[in-house]
Amino acid sequence: MRLPIALHLAALLPPALSLPPSTLAVIARTDFDYIIVGGGPSGLTLANRLSADPRKQVLVLEAGQSRLGDPLIDVPGFLGSTVGNASYDWLFRTVPQAHANGNRFVMDRGKVLGGSTAINFMAWGRPAKGEIDGARPGEEGLCCPSEDSDGAEVVSRYALVVE
């Protein structure tokens, strides 16, 4: 597949690289097996899985910058310094909210490779067992190999890999 590049490239996997726009011509001449739009947690997880096969070429496109090694993201002491910072945060605003006297609110969203997980105070939480179990009916394979398995246990196993 040929890719006419008009988007900012932040990462190319494998291996994970951050490339300046001047190298886009090289990328445009490369055939990719998979192109993933969005370098947030889902896109990067998918890219990691797909790039495990060394025969496959995987491209990740991310509108935000690569901030790998940036202390404002990586150092706990800078917790919260990226929120509201236009270099790291898209600063999306809601429409006026009728039940909040017409006020608009900022919806902080990560403007970097890693998406909003890069500015989320280094925190995450597992879903409640009820939420996992609620996804089970008719969705075999989502989190559970069969009706007899415990979906929360399966999700916990994968969560340990992340942790």
N, C-alpha and C. Protein backbone atom coordinates (compact mmCIF):
# COMPACT_ATOMS: atom_id res chain seq x y z
N MET A 1 0.84 -1.17 0.00
CA MET A 1 0.00 0.00 0.00
C MET A 1 0.89 1.23 0.00
N ARG A 2 0.67 2.14 -0.94
CA ARG A 2 1.40 3.42 -0.96
C ARG A 2 0.61 4.41 -0.12
N LEU A 3 1.32 5.25 0.59
CA LEU A 3 0.67 6.20 1.49
C LEU A 3 1.05 7.62 1.13
N PRO A 4 0.11 8.42 0.58
CA PRO A 4 0.41 9.83 0.38
C PRO A 4 0.36 10.52 1.74
N ILE A 5 1.50 10.89 2.25
CA ILE A 5 1.58 11.42 3.61
C ILE A 5 1.20 12.90 3.62
N ALA A 6 0.13 13.22 4.32
CA ALA A 6 -0.25 14.60 4.53
C ALA A 6 -0.41 14.85 6.03
N LEU A 7 -0.18 13.82 6.80
CA LEU A 7 -0.34 13.91 8.24
C LEU A 7 1.02 13.97 8.92
N HIS A 8 1.05 14.51 10.10
CA HIS A 8 2.30 14.54 10.88
C HIS A 8 2.56 13.15 11.43
N LEU A 9 3.75 12.66 11.20
CA LEU A 9 4.13 11.34 11.68
C LEU A 9 4.87 11.50 13.00
N ALA A 10 4.42 10.77 14.00
CA ALA A 10 5.10 10.85 15.28
C ALA A 10 5.82 9.57 15.61
N ALA A 11 5.33 8.43 15.10
CA ALA A 11 6.00 7.19 15.48
C ALA A 11 5.91 6.18 14.36
N LEU A 12 6.93 5.39 14.23
CA LEU A 12 6.97 4.29 13.28
C LEU A 12 7.40 3.06 14.05
N LEU A 13 6.59 2.03 13.97
CA LEU A 13 6.90 0.78 14.67
C LEU A 13 7.00 -0.32 13.65
N PRO A 14 7.83 -1.31 13.78
CA PRO A 14 8.93 -1.47 14.72
C PRO A 14 10.21 -0.86 14.18
N PRO A 15 11.18 -0.59 14.96
CA PRO A 15 11.03 -0.30 16.38
C PRO A 15 10.43 1.08 16.55
N ALA A 16 10.01 1.42 17.74
CA ALA A 16 9.38 2.72 17.98
C ALA A 16 10.40 3.82 17.73
N LEU A 17 10.08 4.70 16.82
CA LEU A 17 10.96 5.82 16.48
C LEU A 17 10.14 7.10 16.44
N SER A 18 10.74 8.19 16.71
CA SER A 18 10.12 9.48 16.52
C SER A 18 10.83 10.14 15.35
N LEU A 19 10.09 10.51 14.34
CA LEU A 19 10.70 11.03 13.12
C LEU A 19 10.27 12.46 12.85
N PRO A 20 11.20 13.32 12.46
CA PRO A 20 10.84 14.68 12.09
C PRO A 20 10.15 14.67 10.72
N PRO A 21 9.34 15.71 10.45
CA PRO A 21 8.63 15.77 9.17
C PRO A 21 9.54 15.68 7.95
N SER A 22 10.82 16.04 8.06
CA SER A 22 11.73 15.99 6.91
C SER A 22 11.95 14.57 6.40
N THR A 23 11.65 13.58 7.19
CA THR A 23 11.84 12.19 6.76
C THR A 23 10.56 11.59 6.17
N LEU A 24 9.53 12.39 6.05
CA LEU A 24 8.25 11.86 5.54
C LEU A 24 8.37 11.31 4.12
N ALA A 25 9.28 11.84 3.32
CA ALA A 25 9.45 11.33 1.96
C ALA A 25 9.87 9.87 1.98
N VAL A 26 10.72 9.51 2.91
CA VAL A 26 11.14 8.11 3.04
C VAL A 26 9.94 7.24 3.42
N ILE A 27 9.15 7.73 4.34
CA ILE A 27 7.96 6.99 4.78
C ILE A 27 6.99 6.83 3.62
N ALA A 28 6.84 7.87 2.81
CA ALA A 28 5.90 7.82 1.69
C ALA A 28 6.29 6.76 0.67
N ARG A 29 7.56 6.40 0.61
CA ARG A 29 8.00 5.36 -0.33
C ARG A 29 7.96 3.96 0.27
N THR A 30 7.52 3.85 1.50
CA THR A 30 7.50 2.56 2.19
C THR A 30 6.12 1.92 2.07
N ASP A 31 6.10 0.63 1.83
CA ASP A 31 4.84 -0.11 1.84
C ASP A 31 4.58 -0.60 3.26
N PHE A 32 3.38 -0.34 3.77
CA PHE A 32 3.02 -0.74 5.12
C PHE A 32 1.93 -1.80 5.07
N ASP A 33 2.03 -2.75 5.97
CA ASP A 33 0.99 -3.76 6.12
C ASP A 33 -0.18 -3.20 6.93
N TYR A 34 0.14 -2.35 7.88
CA TYR A 34 -0.88 -1.77 8.76
C TYR A 34 -0.57 -0.29 8.97
N ILE A 35 -1.62 0.52 8.93
CA ILE A 35 -1.50 1.94 9.25
C ILE A 35 -2.51 2.21 10.36
N ILE A 36 -2.01 2.69 11.47
CA ILE A 36 -2.85 2.96 12.63
C ILE A 36 -2.89 4.46 12.84
N VAL A 37 -4.08 5.01 12.89
CA VAL A 37 -4.25 6.44 13.10
C VAL A 37 -4.56 6.66 14.58
N GLY A 38 -3.64 7.30 15.25
CA GLY A 38 -3.79 7.59 16.67
C GLY A 38 -2.78 6.84 17.52
N GLY A 39 -1.93 7.60 18.18
CA GLY A 39 -0.90 7.01 19.03
C GLY A 39 -1.25 7.07 20.49
N GLY A 40 -2.54 6.86 20.80
CA GLY A 40 -2.96 6.76 22.19
C GLY A 40 -2.79 5.33 22.67
N PRO A 41 -3.37 5.00 23.81
CA PRO A 41 -3.15 3.67 24.37
C PRO A 41 -3.64 2.54 23.48
N SER A 42 -4.76 2.71 22.83
CA SER A 42 -5.25 1.64 21.95
C SER A 42 -4.39 1.50 20.72
N GLY A 43 -4.08 2.62 20.07
CA GLY A 43 -3.27 2.57 18.86
C GLY A 43 -1.88 2.02 19.10
N LEU A 44 -1.26 2.43 20.19
CA LEU A 44 0.09 1.95 20.48
C LEU A 44 0.10 0.49 20.92
N THR A 45 -0.94 0.09 21.64
CA THR A 45 -1.04 -1.32 22.03
C THR A 45 -1.21 -2.19 20.79
N LEU A 46 -2.09 -1.76 19.90
CA LEU A 46 -2.29 -2.50 18.65
C LEU A 46 -1.00 -2.54 17.84
N ALA A 47 -0.32 -1.41 17.72
CA ALA A 47 0.93 -1.36 16.96
C ALA A 47 1.98 -2.29 17.57
N ASN A 48 2.04 -2.32 18.87
CA ASN A 48 3.00 -3.20 19.54
C ASN A 48 2.71 -4.66 19.22
N ARG A 49 1.44 -5.03 19.27
CA ARG A 49 1.07 -6.41 18.96
C ARG A 49 1.36 -6.76 17.51
N LEU A 50 0.97 -5.88 16.60
CA LEU A 50 1.16 -6.15 15.17
C LEU A 50 2.64 -6.17 14.80
N SER A 51 3.43 -5.32 15.42
CA SER A 51 4.85 -5.25 15.07
C SER A 51 5.67 -6.37 15.70
N ALA A 52 5.04 -7.21 16.49
CA ALA A 52 5.74 -8.37 17.05
C ALA A 52 6.16 -9.33 15.93
N ASP A 53 5.45 -9.27 14.81
CA ASP A 53 5.81 -10.07 13.65
C ASP A 53 6.82 -9.26 12.83
N PRO A 54 8.10 -9.65 12.82
CA PRO A 54 9.12 -8.84 12.14
C PRO A 54 8.92 -8.72 10.63
N ARG A 55 8.04 -9.52 10.07
CA ARG A 55 7.78 -9.43 8.62
C ARG A 55 6.80 -8.31 8.29
N LYS A 56 6.16 -7.76 9.29
CA LYS A 56 5.13 -6.74 9.07
C LYS A 56 5.68 -5.34 9.28
N GLN A 57 5.25 -4.43 8.43
CA GLN A 57 5.58 -3.01 8.56
C GLN A 57 4.36 -2.30 9.13
N VAL A 58 4.54 -1.60 10.23
CA VAL A 58 3.45 -0.93 10.92
C VAL A 58 3.77 0.56 11.02
N LEU A 59 2.80 1.37 10.65
CA LEU A 59 2.95 2.82 10.73
C LEU A 59 1.92 3.36 11.71
N VAL A 60 2.36 4.20 12.64
CA VAL A 60 1.46 4.87 13.56
C VAL A 60 1.49 6.36 13.23
N LEU A 61 0.33 6.93 12.97
CA LEU A 61 0.21 8.36 12.72
C LEU A 61 -0.39 9.02 13.95
N GLU A 62 0.25 10.06 14.42
CA GLU A 62 -0.22 10.78 15.61
C GLU A 62 -0.13 12.27 15.33
N ALA A 63 -1.20 12.99 15.60
CA ALA A 63 -1.22 14.43 15.34
C ALA A 63 -0.36 15.20 16.33
N GLY A 64 -0.24 14.69 17.54
CA GLY A 64 0.57 15.36 18.55
C GLY A 64 2.04 15.02 18.40
N GLN A 65 2.86 15.68 19.18
CA GLN A 65 4.30 15.47 19.12
C GLN A 65 4.72 14.25 19.93
N SER A 66 5.86 13.70 19.57
CA SER A 66 6.47 12.68 20.41
C SER A 66 7.18 13.40 21.54
N ARG A 67 6.84 13.05 22.74
CA ARG A 67 7.48 13.66 23.92
C ARG A 67 8.17 12.59 24.75
N LEU A 68 8.73 11.58 24.06
CA LEU A 68 9.42 10.51 24.76
C LEU A 68 10.58 11.10 25.56
N GLY A 69 10.65 10.74 26.83
CA GLY A 69 11.71 11.24 27.70
C GLY A 69 11.47 12.63 28.26
N ASP A 70 10.31 13.22 28.00
CA ASP A 70 10.00 14.55 28.50
C ASP A 70 9.73 14.48 30.00
N PRO A 71 10.48 15.22 30.81
CA PRO A 71 10.27 15.14 32.26
C PRO A 71 8.88 15.59 32.71
N LEU A 72 8.23 16.49 31.97
CA LEU A 72 6.89 16.91 32.37
C LEU A 72 5.90 15.75 32.30
N ILE A 73 6.21 14.74 31.51
CA ILE A 73 5.35 13.56 31.41
C ILE A 73 5.88 12.43 32.29
N ASP A 74 7.19 12.26 32.31
CA ASP A 74 7.79 11.09 32.96
C ASP A 74 8.10 11.24 34.44
N VAL A 75 8.25 12.46 34.94
CA VAL A 75 8.67 12.66 36.33
C VAL A 75 7.45 12.97 37.19
N PRO A 76 7.17 12.13 38.20
CA PRO A 76 5.99 12.33 39.05
C PRO A 76 5.92 13.71 39.70
N GLY A 77 7.05 14.34 39.97
CA GLY A 77 7.05 15.65 40.60
C GLY A 77 6.42 16.74 39.75
N PHE A 78 6.31 16.51 38.45
CA PHE A 78 5.68 17.48 37.55
C PHE A 78 4.21 17.15 37.31
N LEU A 79 3.67 16.31 38.14
CA LEU A 79 2.28 15.88 38.04
C LEU A 79 1.35 17.07 37.79
N GLY A 80 0.57 17.00 36.75
CA GLY A 80 -0.42 18.03 36.45
C GLY A 80 0.09 19.21 35.65
N SER A 81 1.39 19.31 35.43
CA SER A 81 1.92 20.48 34.73
C SER A 81 1.58 20.49 33.25
N THR A 82 1.17 19.36 32.70
CA THR A 82 0.83 19.31 31.28
C THR A 82 -0.64 19.66 31.03
N VAL A 83 -1.47 19.49 32.04
CA VAL A 83 -2.90 19.78 31.88
C VAL A 83 -3.08 21.29 31.76
N GLY A 84 -3.77 21.70 30.70
CA GLY A 84 -3.97 23.11 30.45
C GLY A 84 -2.82 23.77 29.71
N ASN A 85 -1.79 23.01 29.40
CA ASN A 85 -0.63 23.51 28.66
C ASN A 85 -0.84 23.17 27.19
N ALA A 86 -1.02 24.17 26.36
CA ALA A 86 -1.37 23.95 24.95
C ALA A 86 -0.33 23.15 24.18
N SER A 87 0.88 23.04 24.69
CA SER A 87 1.88 22.21 24.02
C SER A 87 1.64 20.72 24.25
N TYR A 88 0.85 20.39 25.26
CA TYR A 88 0.60 19.00 25.63
C TYR A 88 -0.88 18.62 25.58
N ASP A 89 -1.75 19.61 25.55
CA ASP A 89 -3.18 19.40 25.75
C ASP A 89 -3.95 20.09 24.62
N TRP A 90 -4.89 19.36 24.01
CA TRP A 90 -5.69 19.95 22.93
C TRP A 90 -6.62 21.04 23.45
N LEU A 91 -6.92 21.06 24.73
CA LEU A 91 -7.78 22.07 25.35
C LEU A 91 -9.16 22.16 24.69
N PHE A 92 -9.72 21.01 24.39
CA PHE A 92 -11.07 21.00 23.83
C PHE A 92 -12.04 21.61 24.84
N ARG A 93 -13.06 22.28 24.34
CA ARG A 93 -14.08 22.87 25.21
C ARG A 93 -15.44 22.30 24.84
N THR A 94 -16.25 22.13 25.85
CA THR A 94 -17.60 21.65 25.62
C THR A 94 -18.44 22.76 25.01
N VAL A 95 -19.58 22.39 24.49
CA VAL A 95 -20.57 23.39 24.12
C VAL A 95 -21.13 23.98 25.42
N PRO A 96 -21.76 25.14 25.38
CA PRO A 96 -22.35 25.68 26.60
C PRO A 96 -23.30 24.66 27.24
N GLN A 97 -23.15 24.49 28.55
CA GLN A 97 -23.94 23.49 29.28
C GLN A 97 -25.15 24.16 29.93
N ALA A 98 -26.33 23.75 29.49
CA ALA A 98 -27.57 24.36 29.97
C ALA A 98 -27.72 24.27 31.49
N HIS A 99 -27.31 23.17 32.08
CA HIS A 99 -27.49 22.97 33.52
C HIS A 99 -26.29 23.46 34.33
N ALA A 100 -25.42 24.22 33.68
CA ALA A 100 -24.27 24.83 34.36
C ALA A 100 -24.20 26.31 34.00
N ASN A 101 -25.38 26.93 33.92
CA ASN A 101 -25.48 28.36 33.60
C ASN A 101 -24.80 28.74 32.30
N GLY A 102 -24.84 27.84 31.32
CA GLY A 102 -24.26 28.12 30.02
C GLY A 102 -22.74 28.08 29.97
N ASN A 103 -22.12 27.65 31.05
CA ASN A 103 -20.66 27.58 31.07
C ASN A 103 -20.14 26.50 30.13
N ARG A 104 -18.95 26.74 29.63
CA ARG A 104 -18.23 25.76 28.81
C ARG A 104 -17.07 25.25 29.66
N PHE A 105 -16.74 23.98 29.48
CA PHE A 105 -15.68 23.37 30.28
C PHE A 105 -14.59 22.83 29.38
N VAL A 106 -13.37 22.92 29.87
CA VAL A 106 -12.23 22.36 29.14
C VAL A 106 -12.22 20.86 29.33
N MET A 107 -12.02 20.15 28.23
CA MET A 107 -11.89 18.69 28.25
C MET A 107 -10.43 18.39 27.91
N ASP A 108 -9.63 18.18 28.93
CA ASP A 108 -8.20 17.93 28.72
C ASP A 108 -8.00 16.63 27.96
N ARG A 109 -7.27 16.72 26.85
CA ARG A 109 -6.97 15.55 26.02
C ARG A 109 -5.52 15.67 25.57
N GLY A 110 -4.79 14.59 25.68
CA GLY A 110 -3.37 14.60 25.37
C GLY A 110 -3.06 14.89 23.91
N LYS A 111 -2.18 15.83 23.68
CA LYS A 111 -1.76 16.26 22.34
C LYS A 111 -0.34 15.75 22.07
N VAL A 112 -0.08 14.53 22.49
CA VAL A 112 1.25 13.94 22.40
C VAL A 112 1.13 12.46 22.06
N LEU A 113 2.25 11.88 21.66
CA LEU A 113 2.28 10.44 21.46
C LEU A 113 1.95 9.78 22.80
N GLY A 114 0.96 8.93 22.80
CA GLY A 114 0.46 8.33 24.04
C GLY A 114 -0.91 8.87 24.38
N GLY A 115 -1.33 9.92 23.68
CA GLY A 115 -2.66 10.48 23.90
C GLY A 115 -2.86 10.97 25.32
N SER A 116 -4.09 10.89 25.78
CA SER A 116 -4.43 11.41 27.10
C SER A 116 -3.79 10.63 28.23
N THR A 117 -3.35 9.40 27.96
CA THR A 117 -2.67 8.66 29.02
C THR A 117 -1.35 9.32 29.39
N ALA A 118 -0.81 10.15 28.52
CA ALA A 118 0.45 10.83 28.82
C ALA A 118 0.26 11.98 29.79
N ILE A 119 -0.99 12.45 29.96
CA ILE A 119 -1.23 13.59 30.85
C ILE A 119 -2.25 13.25 31.93
N ASN A 120 -2.38 11.99 32.26
CA ASN A 120 -3.44 11.57 33.18
C ASN A 120 -2.97 11.36 34.61
N PHE A 121 -1.95 12.05 35.04
CA PHE A 121 -1.44 11.97 36.41
C PHE A 121 -0.87 10.61 36.77
N MET A 122 -0.42 9.85 35.75
CA MET A 122 0.18 8.54 35.96
C MET A 122 -0.76 7.59 36.70
N ALA A 123 -2.05 7.73 36.46
CA ALA A 123 -3.03 6.90 37.15
C ALA A 123 -3.90 6.16 36.14
N TRP A 124 -4.35 5.02 36.55
CA TRP A 124 -5.33 4.28 35.76
C TRP A 124 -6.05 3.35 36.71
N GLY A 125 -7.20 2.90 36.30
CA GLY A 125 -7.96 1.99 37.15
C GLY A 125 -8.56 0.87 36.33
N ARG A 126 -8.64 -0.26 36.95
CA ARG A 126 -9.29 -1.39 36.28
C ARG A 126 -10.80 -1.22 36.35
N PRO A 127 -11.50 -1.72 35.36
CA PRO A 127 -12.97 -1.64 35.43
C PRO A 127 -13.49 -2.54 36.54
N ALA A 128 -14.65 -2.19 37.05
CA ALA A 128 -15.30 -3.00 38.08
C ALA A 128 -15.75 -4.33 37.48
N LYS A 129 -15.82 -5.35 38.31
CA LYS A 129 -16.24 -6.68 37.86
C LYS A 129 -17.60 -6.60 37.15
N GLY A 130 -18.50 -5.79 37.67
CA GLY A 130 -19.82 -5.66 37.06
C GLY A 130 -19.77 -5.10 35.64
N GLU A 131 -18.84 -4.19 35.39
CA GLU A 131 -18.68 -3.65 34.04
C GLU A 131 -18.16 -4.72 33.09
N ILE A 132 -17.22 -5.50 33.56
CA ILE A 132 -16.67 -6.58 32.73
C ILE A 132 -17.74 -7.62 32.45
N ASP A 133 -18.44 -8.02 33.50
CA ASP A 133 -19.49 -9.03 33.33
C ASP A 133 -20.61 -8.52 32.44
N GLY A 134 -20.88 -7.22 32.47
CA GLY A 134 -21.93 -6.65 31.64
C GLY A 134 -21.61 -6.72 30.16
N ALA A 135 -20.35 -6.85 29.82
CA ALA A 135 -19.94 -6.95 28.42
C ALA A 135 -20.01 -8.37 27.90
N ARG A 136 -20.24 -9.33 28.77
CA ARG A 136 -20.16 -10.74 28.38
C ARG A 136 -21.30 -11.22 27.49
N PRO A 137 -22.55 -10.89 27.76
CA PRO A 137 -23.62 -11.52 26.97
C PRO A 137 -23.46 -11.30 25.47
N GLY A 138 -23.37 -12.38 24.74
CA GLY A 138 -23.29 -12.32 23.29
C GLY A 138 -21.97 -11.82 22.75
N GLU A 139 -20.99 -11.62 23.59
CA GLU A 139 -19.72 -11.08 23.13
C GLU A 139 -18.57 -12.00 23.50
N GLU A 140 -18.75 -13.28 23.26
CA GLU A 140 -17.70 -14.24 23.56
C GLU A 140 -16.43 -13.84 22.83
N GLY A 141 -15.33 -13.93 23.51
CA GLY A 141 -14.06 -13.55 22.92
C GLY A 141 -13.63 -12.15 23.30
N LEU A 142 -14.59 -11.30 23.73
CA LEU A 142 -14.23 -9.94 24.14
C LEU A 142 -13.28 -9.99 25.33
N CYS A 143 -13.70 -10.72 26.34
CA CYS A 143 -12.83 -10.85 27.51
C CYS A 143 -12.85 -12.26 28.06
N CYS A 144 -13.71 -13.05 27.53
CA CYS A 144 -13.91 -14.37 28.13
C CYS A 144 -13.96 -15.44 27.05
N PRO A 145 -13.20 -16.53 27.22
CA PRO A 145 -13.24 -17.58 26.22
C PRO A 145 -14.55 -18.36 26.20
N SER A 146 -15.28 -18.36 27.30
CA SER A 146 -16.54 -19.10 27.34
C SER A 146 -17.43 -18.54 28.44
N GLU A 147 -18.66 -18.98 28.45
CA GLU A 147 -19.61 -18.55 29.49
C GLU A 147 -19.16 -18.98 30.88
N ASP A 148 -18.36 -20.04 30.94
CA ASP A 148 -17.94 -20.58 32.23
C ASP A 148 -16.76 -19.84 32.84
N SER A 149 -16.07 -19.03 32.05
CA SER A 149 -14.87 -18.38 32.58
C SER A 149 -15.24 -17.10 33.32
N ASP A 150 -14.34 -16.65 34.14
CA ASP A 150 -14.52 -15.44 34.92
C ASP A 150 -13.86 -14.28 34.18
N GLY A 151 -14.68 -13.40 33.60
CA GLY A 151 -14.15 -12.29 32.82
C GLY A 151 -13.23 -11.38 33.61
N ALA A 152 -13.57 -11.13 34.88
CA ALA A 152 -12.74 -10.27 35.71
C ALA A 152 -11.35 -10.87 35.89
N GLU A 153 -11.29 -12.19 36.02
CA GLU A 153 -9.99 -12.86 36.18
C GLU A 153 -9.16 -12.71 34.91
N VAL A 154 -9.82 -12.85 33.76
CA VAL A 154 -9.11 -12.72 32.48
C VAL A 154 -8.58 -11.29 32.32
N VAL A 155 -9.41 -10.30 32.60
CA VAL A 155 -8.98 -8.90 32.48
C VAL A 155 -7.85 -8.62 33.47
N SER A 156 -7.95 -9.16 34.67
CA SER A 156 -6.89 -8.96 35.67
C SER A 156 -5.55 -9.51 35.19
N ARG A 157 -5.59 -10.64 34.51
CA ARG A 157 -4.36 -11.23 33.99
C ARG A 157 -3.69 -10.26 33.01
N TYR A 158 -4.49 -9.67 32.11
CA TYR A 158 -3.94 -8.71 31.15
C TYR A 158 -3.50 -7.43 31.85
N ALA A 159 -4.22 -7.02 32.87
CA ALA A 159 -3.86 -5.81 33.61
C ALA A 159 -2.50 -5.97 34.27
N LEU A 160 -2.19 -7.16 34.74
CA LEU A 160 -0.89 -7.39 35.36
C LEU A 160 0.25 -7.18 34.36
N VAL A 161 0.00 -7.48 33.10
CA VAL A 161 1.02 -7.25 32.07
C VAL A 161 1.30 -5.75 31.96
N VAL A 162 0.26 -4.95 32.02
CA VAL A 162 0.40 -3.50 31.93
C VAL A 162 1.11 -2.96 33.17
N GLU A 163 0.71 -3.47 34.33
CA GLU A 163 1.27 -2.97 35.58
C GLU A 163 2.72 -3.35 35.72
